[in-house]
C-alpha cells in the first residue's frame, strides 16, 4: 500500500460536463491512488468526476462521501486517470 500524504490544495471538480462553473473543494490528503477532499456538495458513490488543480488533473471514482462535523462532505476518490503538473517532488524524486 502507498501512504497518503497530507496535502492542502484548492481543487475544482466537475460532476457533469459541460458544467457552467466548477465546484470547489479542499484536499485533506493525496496518494498516487486517490485522495480525500472537503466539498460543500454530496457526491454519490460510484460517480465519476473530473478534478483540476494547479498540482494535478484527474478523472476519479467517488468511493465514499460522509458528512463531517462542520456540515461539509468528506469525499474519498480513487484515481482512474492522473496527471501531475510536476513529475518530481510530490511522492518521488530522483537524480541521475
PDB file of N, CA and C in Angstrom:
ATOM      1  N   UNK A   1       0.835  -1.186   0.000  1.00  0.00           N
ATOM      2  CA  UNK A   1       0.000   0.000   0.000  1.00  0.00           C
ATOM      3  C   UNK A   1       0.876   1.245   0.000  1.00  0.00           C
ATOM      4  N   UNK A   2       0.320   2.306  -0.506  1.00  0.00           N
ATOM      5  CA  UNK A   2       1.029   3.580  -0.568  1.00  0.00           C
ATOM      6  C   UNK A   2       0.362   4.537   0.410  1.00  0.00           C
ATOM      7  N   UNK A   3       1.161   5.111   1.273  1.00  0.00           N
ATOM      8  CA  UNK A   3       0.655   6.016   2.287  1.00  0.00           C
ATOM      9  C   UNK A   3       0.182   7.319   1.668  1.00  0.00           C
ATOM     10  N   UNK A   4      -0.930   7.846   2.196  1.00  0.00           N
ATOM     11  CA  UNK A   4      -1.414   9.154   1.742  1.00  0.00           C
ATOM     12  C   UNK A   4      -0.633  10.250   2.424  1.00  0.00           C
ATOM     13  N   UNK A   5      -0.346  11.295   1.697  1.00  0.00           N
ATOM     14  CA  UNK A   5       0.427  12.432   2.188  1.00  0.00           C
ATOM     15  C   UNK A   5      -0.546  13.580   2.468  1.00  0.00           C
ATOM     16  N   UNK A   6      -0.508  14.151   3.686  1.00  0.00           N
ATOM     17  CA  UNK A   6      -1.366  15.319   3.931  1.00  0.00           C
ATOM     18  C   UNK A   6      -1.012  16.428   2.950  1.00  0.00           C
ATOM     19  N   UNK A   7      -1.991  16.952   2.298  1.00  0.00           N
ATOM     20  CA  UNK A   7      -1.769  17.981   1.283  1.00  0.00           C
ATOM     21  C   UNK A   7      -3.016  18.847   1.228  1.00  0.00           C
ATOM     22  N   UNK A   8      -2.849  20.144   1.315  1.00  0.00           N
ATOM     23  CA  UNK A   8      -3.989  21.050   1.300  1.00  0.00           C
ATOM     24  C   UNK A   8      -3.920  21.912   0.042  1.00  0.00           C
ATOM     25  N   UNK A   9      -4.750  21.537  -0.928  1.00  0.00           N
ATOM     26  CA  UNK A   9      -4.832  22.235  -2.207  1.00  0.00           C
ATOM     27  C   UNK A   9      -6.277  22.604  -2.478  1.00  0.00           C
ATOM     28  N   UNK A  10      -6.485  23.721  -3.127  1.00  0.00           N
ATOM     29  CA  UNK A  10      -7.817  24.014  -3.625  1.00  0.00           C
ATOM     30  C   UNK A  10      -7.965  23.286  -4.951  1.00  0.00           C
ATOM     31  N   UNK A  11      -9.086  22.591  -5.107  1.00  0.00           N
ATOM     32  CA  UNK A  11      -9.353  21.883  -6.360  1.00  0.00           C
ATOM     33  C   UNK A  11     -10.679  22.357  -6.934  1.00  0.00           C
ATOM     34  N   UNK A  12     -10.796  22.233  -8.230  1.00  0.00           N
ATOM     35  CA  UNK A  12     -12.071  22.382  -8.929  1.00  0.00           C
ATOM     36  C   UNK A  12     -12.500  20.984  -9.325  1.00  0.00           C
ATOM     37  N   UNK A  13     -13.781  20.681  -9.167  1.00  0.00           N
ATOM     38  CA  UNK A  13     -14.241  19.386  -9.654  1.00  0.00           C
ATOM     39  C   UNK A  13     -15.564  19.560 -10.385  1.00  0.00           C
ATOM     40  N   UNK A  14     -15.766  18.657 -11.309  1.00  0.00           N
ATOM     41  CA  UNK A  14     -16.918  18.712 -12.204  1.00  0.00           C
ATOM     42  C   UNK A  14     -17.685  17.410 -12.082  1.00  0.00           C
ATOM     43  N   UNK A  15     -18.994  17.520 -11.833  1.00  0.00           N
ATOM     44  CA  UNK A  15     -19.834  16.333 -11.708  1.00  0.00           C
ATOM     45  C   UNK A  15     -20.524  15.996 -13.022  1.00  0.00           C
ATOM     46  N   UNK A  16     -20.632  16.993 -13.902  1.00  0.00           N
ATOM     47  CA  UNK A  16     -21.182  16.790 -15.246  1.00  0.00           C
ATOM     48  C   UNK A  16     -20.302  17.569 -16.217  1.00  0.00           C
ATOM     49  N   UNK A  17     -20.459  17.279 -17.489  1.00  0.00           N
ATOM     50  CA  UNK A  17     -19.686  18.010 -18.492  1.00  0.00           C
ATOM     51  C   UNK A  17     -20.559  18.217 -19.704  1.00  0.00           C
ATOM     52  N   UNK A  18     -20.730  19.414 -20.195  1.00  0.00           N
ATOM     53  CA  UNK A  18     -20.153  20.625 -19.634  1.00  0.00           C
ATOM     54  C   UNK A  18     -20.915  21.050 -18.377  1.00  0.00           C
ATOM     55  N   UNK A  19     -20.228  21.730 -17.505  1.00  0.00           N
ATOM     56  CA  UNK A  19     -20.811  22.255 -16.278  1.00  0.00           C
ATOM     57  C   UNK A  19     -20.507  23.754 -16.267  1.00  0.00           C
ATOM     58  N   UNK A  20     -21.496  24.622 -16.038  1.00  0.00           N
ATOM     59  CA  UNK A  20     -21.275  26.067 -16.156  1.00  0.00           C
ATOM     60  C   UNK A  20     -20.120  26.589 -15.301  1.00  0.00           C
ATOM     61  N   UNK A  21     -20.000  26.114 -14.086  1.00  0.00           N
ATOM     62  CA  UNK A  21     -18.913  26.548 -13.200  1.00  0.00           C
ATOM     63  C   UNK A  21     -18.474  25.351 -12.368  1.00  0.00           C
ATOM     64  N   UNK A  22     -17.195  25.277 -12.039  1.00  0.00           N
ATOM     65  CA  UNK A  22     -16.733  24.130 -11.251  1.00  0.00           C
ATOM     66  C   UNK A  22     -17.216  24.221  -9.811  1.00  0.00           C
ATOM     67  N   UNK A  23     -17.285  23.072  -9.150  1.00  0.00           N
ATOM     68  CA  UNK A  23     -17.474  23.012  -7.711  1.00  0.00           C
ATOM     69  C   UNK A  23     -16.082  23.151  -7.095  1.00  0.00           C
ATOM     70  N   UNK A  24     -15.998  23.695  -5.893  1.00  0.00           N
ATOM     71  CA  UNK A  24     -14.717  23.930  -5.244  1.00  0.00           C
ATOM     72  C   UNK A  24     -14.553  22.957  -4.089  1.00  0.00           C
ATOM     73  N   UNK A  25     -13.339  22.430  -3.934  1.00  0.00           N
ATOM     74  CA  UNK A  25     -13.022  21.550  -2.822  1.00  0.00           C
ATOM     75  C   UNK A  25     -11.656  21.870  -2.249  1.00  0.00           C
ATOM     76  N   UNK A  26     -11.369  21.300  -1.085  1.00  0.00           N
ATOM     77  CA  UNK A  26     -10.071  21.472  -0.415  1.00  0.00           C
ATOM     78  C   UNK A  26      -9.562  20.079  -0.045  1.00  0.00           C
ATOM     79  N   UNK A  27      -8.385  19.703  -0.548  1.00  0.00           N
ATOM     80  CA  UNK A  27      -7.874  18.367  -0.277  1.00  0.00           C
ATOM     81  C   UNK A  27      -7.440  18.220   1.175  1.00  0.00           C
ATOM     82  N   UNK A  28      -7.575  17.008   1.685  1.00  0.00           N
ATOM     83  CA  UNK A  28      -7.078  16.642   3.007  1.00  0.00           C
ATOM     84  C   UNK A  28      -5.792  15.843   2.881  1.00  0.00           C
ATOM     85  N   UNK A  29      -5.792  14.878   1.949  1.00  0.00           N
ATOM     86  CA  UNK A  29      -4.600  14.076   1.693  1.00  0.00           C
ATOM     87  C   UNK A  29      -4.669  13.507   0.287  1.00  0.00           C
ATOM     88  N   UNK A  30      -3.480  13.162  -0.224  1.00  0.00           N
ATOM     89  CA  UNK A  30      -3.361  12.692  -1.611  1.00  0.00           C
ATOM     90  C   UNK A  30      -2.366  11.546  -1.657  1.00  0.00           C
ATOM     91  N   UNK A  31      -2.633  10.555  -2.488  1.00  0.00           N
ATOM     92  CA  UNK A  31      -1.668   9.499  -2.803  1.00  0.00           C
ATOM     93  C   UNK A  31      -1.721   9.288  -4.310  1.00  0.00           C
ATOM     94  N   UNK A  32      -0.819   8.506  -4.865  1.00  0.00           N
ATOM     95  CA  UNK A  32      -0.903   8.227  -6.301  1.00  0.00           C
ATOM     96  C   UNK A  32      -2.173   7.447  -6.684  1.00  0.00           C
ATOM     97  N   UNK A  33      -2.838   6.843  -5.692  1.00  0.00           N
ATOM     98  CA  UNK A  33      -4.046   6.056  -5.967  1.00  0.00           C
ATOM     99  C   UNK A  33      -5.349   6.824  -5.782  1.00  0.00           C
ATOM    100  N   UNK A  34      -5.323   7.885  -4.961  1.00  0.00           N
ATOM    101  CA  UNK A  34      -6.561   8.600  -4.701  1.00  0.00           C
ATOM    102  C   UNK A  34      -6.360   9.777  -3.764  1.00  0.00           C
ATOM    103  N   UNK A  35      -7.471  10.352  -3.305  1.00  0.00           N
ATOM    104  CA  UNK A  35      -7.402  11.494  -2.396  1.00  0.00           C
ATOM    105  C   UNK A  35      -8.683  11.582  -1.585  1.00  0.00           C
ATOM    106  N   UNK A  36      -8.597  12.392  -0.526  1.00  0.00           N
ATOM    107  CA  UNK A  36      -9.778  12.794   0.224  1.00  0.00           C
ATOM    108  C   UNK A  36      -9.850  14.311   0.150  1.00  0.00           C
ATOM    109  N   UNK A  37     -11.077  14.830   0.007  1.00  0.00           N
ATOM    110  CA  UNK A  37     -11.243  16.274  -0.023  1.00  0.00           C
ATOM    111  C   UNK A  37     -12.574  16.669   0.607  1.00  0.00           C
ATOM    112  N   UNK A  38     -12.640  17.944   0.996  1.00  0.00           N
ATOM    113  CA  UNK A  38     -13.850  18.516   1.581  1.00  0.00           C
ATOM    114  C   UNK A  38     -14.634  19.198   0.461  1.00  0.00           C
ATOM    115  N   UNK A  39     -15.938  18.962   0.447  1.00  0.00           N
ATOM    116  CA  UNK A  39     -16.807  19.579  -0.555  1.00  0.00           C
ATOM    117  C   UNK A  39     -18.082  20.085   0.118  1.00  0.00           C
ATOM    118  N   UNK A  40     -18.723  21.044  -0.512  1.00  0.00           N
ATOM    119  CA  UNK A  40     -19.994  21.541   0.000  1.00  0.00           C
ATOM    120  C   UNK A  40     -21.168  20.731  -0.527  1.00  0.00           C
ATOM    121  N   UNK A  41     -20.931  19.935  -1.565  1.00  0.00           N
ATOM    122  CA  UNK A  41     -21.997  19.135  -2.174  1.00  0.00           C
ATOM    123  C   UNK A  41     -21.771  17.662  -1.871  1.00  0.00           C
ATOM    124  N   UNK A  42     -22.859  16.927  -1.724  1.00  0.00           N
ATOM    125  CA  UNK A  42     -22.765  15.475  -1.571  1.00  0.00           C
ATOM    126  C   UNK A  42     -22.525  14.874  -2.950  1.00  0.00           C
ATOM    127  N   UNK A  43     -21.582  13.952  -3.019  1.00  0.00           N
ATOM    128  CA  UNK A  43     -21.301  13.247  -4.267  1.00  0.00           C
ATOM    129  C   UNK A  43     -21.668  11.789  -4.076  1.00  0.00           C
ATOM    130  N   UNK A  44     -22.442  11.238  -4.983  1.00  0.00           N
ATOM    131  CA  UNK A  44     -22.860   9.850  -4.884  1.00  0.00           C
ATOM    132  C   UNK A  44     -21.712   8.893  -5.131  1.00  0.00           C
ATOM    133  N   UNK A  45     -21.648   7.846  -4.315  1.00  0.00           N
ATOM    134  CA  UNK A  45     -20.624   6.819  -4.503  1.00  0.00           C
ATOM    135  C   UNK A  45     -20.844   6.132  -5.839  1.00  0.00           C
ATOM    136  N   UNK A  46     -19.749   5.820  -6.520  1.00  0.00           N
ATOM    137  CA  UNK A  46     -19.820   5.190  -7.831  1.00  0.00           C
ATOM    138  C   UNK A  46     -19.860   6.180  -8.981  1.00  0.00           C
ATOM    139  N   UNK A  47     -19.886   7.459  -8.668  1.00  0.00           N
ATOM    140  CA  UNK A  47     -19.928   8.512  -9.694  1.00  0.00           C
ATOM    141  C   UNK A  47     -18.512   8.882 -10.126  1.00  0.00           C
ATOM    142  N   UNK A  48     -18.330   9.153 -11.406  1.00  0.00           N
ATOM    143  CA  UNK A  48     -17.057   9.659 -11.903  1.00  0.00           C
ATOM    144  C   UNK A  48     -17.087  11.179 -11.889  1.00  0.00           C
ATOM    145  N   UNK A  49     -15.959  11.784 -11.498  1.00  0.00           N
ATOM    146  CA  UNK A  49     -15.830  13.235 -11.511  1.00  0.00           C
ATOM    147  C   UNK A  49     -14.511  13.610 -12.174  1.00  0.00           C
ATOM    148  N   UNK A  50     -14.462  14.827 -12.669  1.00  0.00           N
ATOM    149  CA  UNK A  50     -13.223  15.378 -13.218  1.00  0.00           C
ATOM    150  C   UNK A  50     -12.669  16.330 -12.169  1.00  0.00           C
ATOM    151  N   UNK A  51     -11.361  16.241 -11.884  1.00  0.00           N
ATOM    152  CA  UNK A  51     -10.697  17.081 -10.892  1.00  0.00           C
ATOM    153  C   UNK A  51      -9.598  17.868 -11.591  1.00  0.00           C
ATOM    154  N   UNK A  52      -9.512  19.169 -11.274  1.00  0.00           N
ATOM    155  CA  UNK A  52      -8.468  20.027 -11.831  1.00  0.00           C
ATOM    156  C   UNK A  52      -7.912  20.907 -10.726  1.00  0.00           C
ATOM    157  N   UNK A  53      -6.593  21.050 -10.701  1.00  0.00           N
ATOM    158  CA  UNK A  53      -5.941  21.950  -9.744  1.00  0.00           C
ATOM    159  C   UNK A  53      -4.608  22.374 -10.328  1.00  0.00           C
ATOM    160  N   UNK A  54      -3.900  23.218  -9.583  1.00  0.00           N
ATOM    161  CA  UNK A  54      -2.577  23.637 -10.036  1.00  0.00           C
ATOM    162  C   UNK A  54      -1.567  22.502  -9.959  1.00  0.00           C
ATOM    163  N   UNK A  55      -1.850  21.473  -9.160  1.00  0.00           N
ATOM    164  CA  UNK A  55      -0.906  20.369  -8.970  1.00  0.00           C
ATOM    165  C   UNK A  55      -1.239  19.126  -9.781  1.00  0.00           C
ATOM    166  N   UNK A  56      -2.521  18.902 -10.092  1.00  0.00           N
ATOM    167  CA  UNK A  56      -2.893  17.667 -10.778  1.00  0.00           C
ATOM    168  C   UNK A  56      -4.195  17.827 -11.534  1.00  0.00           C
ATOM    169  N   UNK A  57      -4.381  16.945 -12.500  1.00  0.00           N
ATOM    170  CA  UNK A  57      -5.638  16.775 -13.223  1.00  0.00           C
ATOM    171  C   UNK A  57      -5.961  15.295 -13.175  1.00  0.00           C
ATOM    172  N   UNK A  58      -7.240  14.965 -12.969  1.00  0.00           N
ATOM    173  CA  UNK A  58      -7.598  13.557 -12.828  1.00  0.00           C
ATOM    174  C   UNK A  58      -9.054  13.321 -13.191  1.00  0.00           C
ATOM    175  N   UNK A  59      -9.340  12.081 -13.521  1.00  0.00           N
ATOM    176  CA  UNK A  59     -10.697  11.559 -13.536  1.00  0.00           C
ATOM    177  C   UNK A  59     -10.708  10.553 -12.403  1.00  0.00           C
ATOM    178  N   UNK A  60     -11.725  10.639 -11.540  1.00  0.00           N
ATOM    179  CA  UNK A  60     -11.730   9.809 -10.340  1.00  0.00           C
ATOM    180  C   UNK A  60     -13.110   9.227 -10.091  1.00  0.00           C
ATOM    181  N   UNK A  61     -13.122   8.099  -9.382  1.00  0.00           N
ATOM    182  CA  UNK A  61     -14.340   7.415  -8.977  1.00  0.00           C
ATOM    183  C   UNK A  61     -14.583   7.720  -7.511  1.00  0.00           C
ATOM    184  N   UNK A  62     -15.768   8.223  -7.177  1.00  0.00           N
ATOM    185  CA  UNK A  62     -16.112   8.509  -5.784  1.00  0.00           C
ATOM    186  C   UNK A  62     -16.322   7.179  -5.063  1.00  0.00           C
ATOM    187  N   UNK A  63     -15.539   6.943  -4.029  1.00  0.00           N
ATOM    188  CA  UNK A  63     -15.628   5.690  -3.284  1.00  0.00           C
ATOM    189  C   UNK A  63     -16.343   5.841  -1.941  1.00  0.00           C
ATOM    190  N   UNK A  64     -16.372   7.084  -1.418  1.00  0.00           N
ATOM    191  CA  UNK A  64     -17.121   7.330  -0.186  1.00  0.00           C
ATOM    192  C   UNK A  64     -17.400   8.811  -0.050  1.00  0.00           C
ATOM    193  N   UNK A  65     -18.477   9.129   0.662  1.00  0.00           N
ATOM    194  CA  UNK A  65     -18.862  10.517   0.896  1.00  0.00           C
ATOM    195  C   UNK A  65     -19.640  10.560   2.204  1.00  0.00           C
ATOM    196  N   UNK A  66     -19.082  11.246   3.194  1.00  0.00           N
ATOM    197  CA  UNK A  66     -19.717  11.326   4.508  1.00  0.00           C
ATOM    198  C   UNK A  66     -19.715  12.761   5.008  1.00  0.00           C
ATOM    199  N   UNK A  67     -20.780  13.145   5.705  1.00  0.00           N
ATOM    200  CA  UNK A  67     -20.872  14.479   6.287  1.00  0.00           C
ATOM    201  C   UNK A  67     -19.948  14.565   7.499  1.00  0.00           C
ATOM    202  N   UNK A  68     -19.233  15.697   7.625  1.00  0.00           N
ATOM    203  CA  UNK A  68     -18.353  15.877   8.784  1.00  0.00           C
ATOM    204  C   UNK A  68     -19.014  16.808   9.797  1.00  0.00           C
ATOM    205  N   UNK A  69     -18.319  17.088  10.881  1.00  0.00           N
ATOM    206  CA  UNK A  69     -18.870  17.915  11.951  1.00  0.00           C
ATOM    207  C   UNK A  69     -19.140  19.355  11.523  1.00  0.00           C
ATOM    208  N   UNK A  70     -18.437  19.832  10.526  1.00  0.00           N
ATOM    209  CA  UNK A  70     -18.593  21.211  10.058  1.00  0.00           C
ATOM    210  C   UNK A  70     -19.683  21.340   8.999  1.00  0.00           C
ATOM    211  N   UNK A  71     -20.493  20.294   8.834  1.00  0.00           N
ATOM    212  CA  UNK A  71     -21.584  20.285   7.856  1.00  0.00           C
ATOM    213  C   UNK A  71     -21.110  20.363   6.414  1.00  0.00           C
ATOM    214  N   UNK A  72     -19.923  19.866   6.159  1.00  0.00           N
ATOM    215  CA  UNK A  72     -19.423  19.701   4.799  1.00  0.00           C
ATOM    216  C   UNK A  72     -19.352  18.206   4.526  1.00  0.00           C
ATOM    217  N   UNK A  73     -18.941  17.861   3.329  1.00  0.00           N
ATOM    218  CA  UNK A  73     -18.821  16.451   2.940  1.00  0.00           C
ATOM    219  C   UNK A  73     -17.353  16.093   2.783  1.00  0.00           C
ATOM    220  N   UNK A  74     -16.949  14.960   3.347  1.00  0.00           N
ATOM    221  CA  UNK A  74     -15.607  14.418   3.148  1.00  0.00           C
ATOM    222  C   UNK A  74     -15.746  13.355   2.063  1.00  0.00           C
ATOM    223  N   UNK A  75     -15.077  13.584   0.945  1.00  0.00           N
ATOM    224  CA  UNK A  75     -15.206  12.739  -0.238  1.00  0.00           C
ATOM    225  C   UNK A  75     -13.914  11.973  -0.449  1.00  0.00           C
ATOM    226  N   UNK A  76     -13.998  10.667  -0.614  1.00  0.00           N
ATOM    227  CA  UNK A  76     -12.855   9.833  -0.963  1.00  0.00           C
ATOM    228  C   UNK A  76     -12.990   9.393  -2.404  1.00  0.00           C
ATOM    229  N   UNK A  77     -11.903   9.510  -3.160  1.00  0.00           N
ATOM    230  CA  UNK A  77     -11.933   9.111  -4.565  1.00  0.00           C
ATOM    231  C   UNK A  77     -10.730   8.232  -4.896  1.00  0.00           C
ATOM    232  N   UNK A  78     -10.921   7.359  -5.869  1.00  0.00           N
ATOM    233  CA  UNK A  78      -9.843   6.547  -6.442  1.00  0.00           C
ATOM    234  C   UNK A  78      -9.593   7.083  -7.843  1.00  0.00           C
ATOM    235  N   UNK A  79      -8.326   7.374  -8.146  1.00  0.00           N
ATOM    236  CA  UNK A  79      -7.996   7.915  -9.461  1.00  0.00           C
ATOM    237  C   UNK A  79      -8.149   6.853 -10.537  1.00  0.00           C
ATOM    238  N   UNK A  80      -8.782   7.231 -11.623  1.00  0.00           N
ATOM    239  CA  UNK A  80      -8.836   6.382 -12.812  1.00  0.00           C
ATOM    240  C   UNK A  80      -7.804   6.854 -13.826  1.00  0.00           C
ATOM    241  N   UNK A  81      -7.615   8.165 -13.910  1.00  0.00           N
ATOM    242  CA  UNK A  81      -6.512   8.757 -14.672  1.00  0.00           C
ATOM    243  C   UNK A  81      -5.912   9.837 -13.783  1.00  0.00           C
ATOM    244  N   UNK A  82      -4.629  10.091 -13.941  1.00  0.00           N
ATOM    245  CA  UNK A  82      -3.962  11.078 -13.102  1.00  0.00           C
ATOM    246  C   UNK A  82      -2.782  11.667 -13.851  1.00  0.00           C
ATOM    247  N   UNK A  83      -2.683  12.998 -13.815  1.00  0.00           N
ATOM    248  CA  UNK A  83      -1.536  13.689 -14.398  1.00  0.00           C
ATOM    249  C   UNK A  83      -1.105  14.762 -13.416  1.00  0.00           C
ATOM    250  N   UNK A  84       0.140  14.657 -12.926  1.00  0.00           N
ATOM    251  CA  UNK A  84       0.698  15.673 -12.045  1.00  0.00           C
ATOM    252  C   UNK A  84       1.287  16.794 -12.889  1.00  0.00           C
ATOM    253  N   UNK A  85       1.171  18.024 -12.422  1.00  0.00           N
ATOM    254  CA  UNK A  85       1.755  19.165 -13.130  1.00  0.00           C
ATOM    255  C   UNK A  85       3.277  19.051 -13.139  1.00  0.00           C
ATOM    256  N   UNK A  86       3.850  18.597 -12.009  1.00  0.00           N
ATOM    257  CA  UNK A  86       5.295  18.339 -11.907  1.00  0.00           C
ATOM    258  C   UNK A  86       5.480  16.856 -11.649  1.00  0.00           C
ATOM    259  N   UNK A  87       6.366  16.234 -12.381  1.00  0.00           N
ATOM    260  CA  UNK A  87       6.558  14.799 -12.228  1.00  0.00           C
ATOM    261  C   UNK A  87       7.430  14.459 -11.025  1.00  0.00           C
ATOM    262  N   UNK A  88       8.161  15.416 -10.478  1.00  0.00           N
ATOM    263  CA  UNK A  88       9.019  15.157  -9.326  1.00  0.00           C
ATOM    264  C   UNK A  88       8.544  15.946  -8.125  1.00  0.00           C
ATOM    265  N   UNK A  89       8.789  15.387  -6.952  1.00  0.00           N
ATOM    266  CA  UNK A  89       8.596  16.159  -5.742  1.00  0.00           C
ATOM    267  C   UNK A  89       7.443  15.754  -4.857  1.00  0.00           C
ATOM    268  N   UNK A  90       6.306  15.353  -5.393  1.00  0.00           N
ATOM    269  CA  UNK A  90       5.159  15.048  -4.552  1.00  0.00           C
ATOM    270  C   UNK A  90       5.316  13.706  -3.839  1.00  0.00           C
ATOM    271  N   UNK A  91       5.703  12.675  -4.565  1.00  0.00           N
ATOM    272  CA  UNK A  91       5.818  11.343  -3.985  1.00  0.00           C
ATOM    273  C   UNK A  91       7.164  10.692  -4.225  1.00  0.00           C
ATOM    274  N   UNK A  92       7.851  11.158  -5.262  1.00  0.00           N
ATOM    275  CA  UNK A  92       9.094  10.504  -5.635  1.00  0.00           C
ATOM    276  C   UNK A  92      10.011  11.517  -6.298  1.00  0.00           C
ATOM    277  N   UNK A  93      11.253  11.510  -5.915  1.00  0.00           N
ATOM    278  CA  UNK A  93      12.263  12.343  -6.564  1.00  0.00           C
ATOM    279  C   UNK A  93      13.509  11.508  -6.793  1.00  0.00           C
ATOM    280  N   UNK A  94      14.161  11.733  -7.911  1.00  0.00           N
ATOM    281  CA  UNK A  94      15.397  11.028  -8.207  1.00  0.00           C
ATOM    282  C   UNK A  94      16.258  11.892  -9.103  1.00  0.00           C
ATOM    283  N   UNK A  95      17.568  11.749  -8.944  1.00  0.00           N
ATOM    284  CA  UNK A  95      18.516  12.430  -9.818  1.00  0.00           C
ATOM    285  C   UNK A  95      19.517  11.427 -10.341  1.00  0.00           C
ATOM    286  N   UNK A  96      19.907  11.596 -11.583  1.00  0.00           N
ATOM    287  CA  UNK A  96      20.878  10.675 -12.184  1.00  0.00           C
ATOM    288  C   UNK A  96      22.269  11.224 -12.031  1.00  0.00           C
TER     289      UNK A  96
END
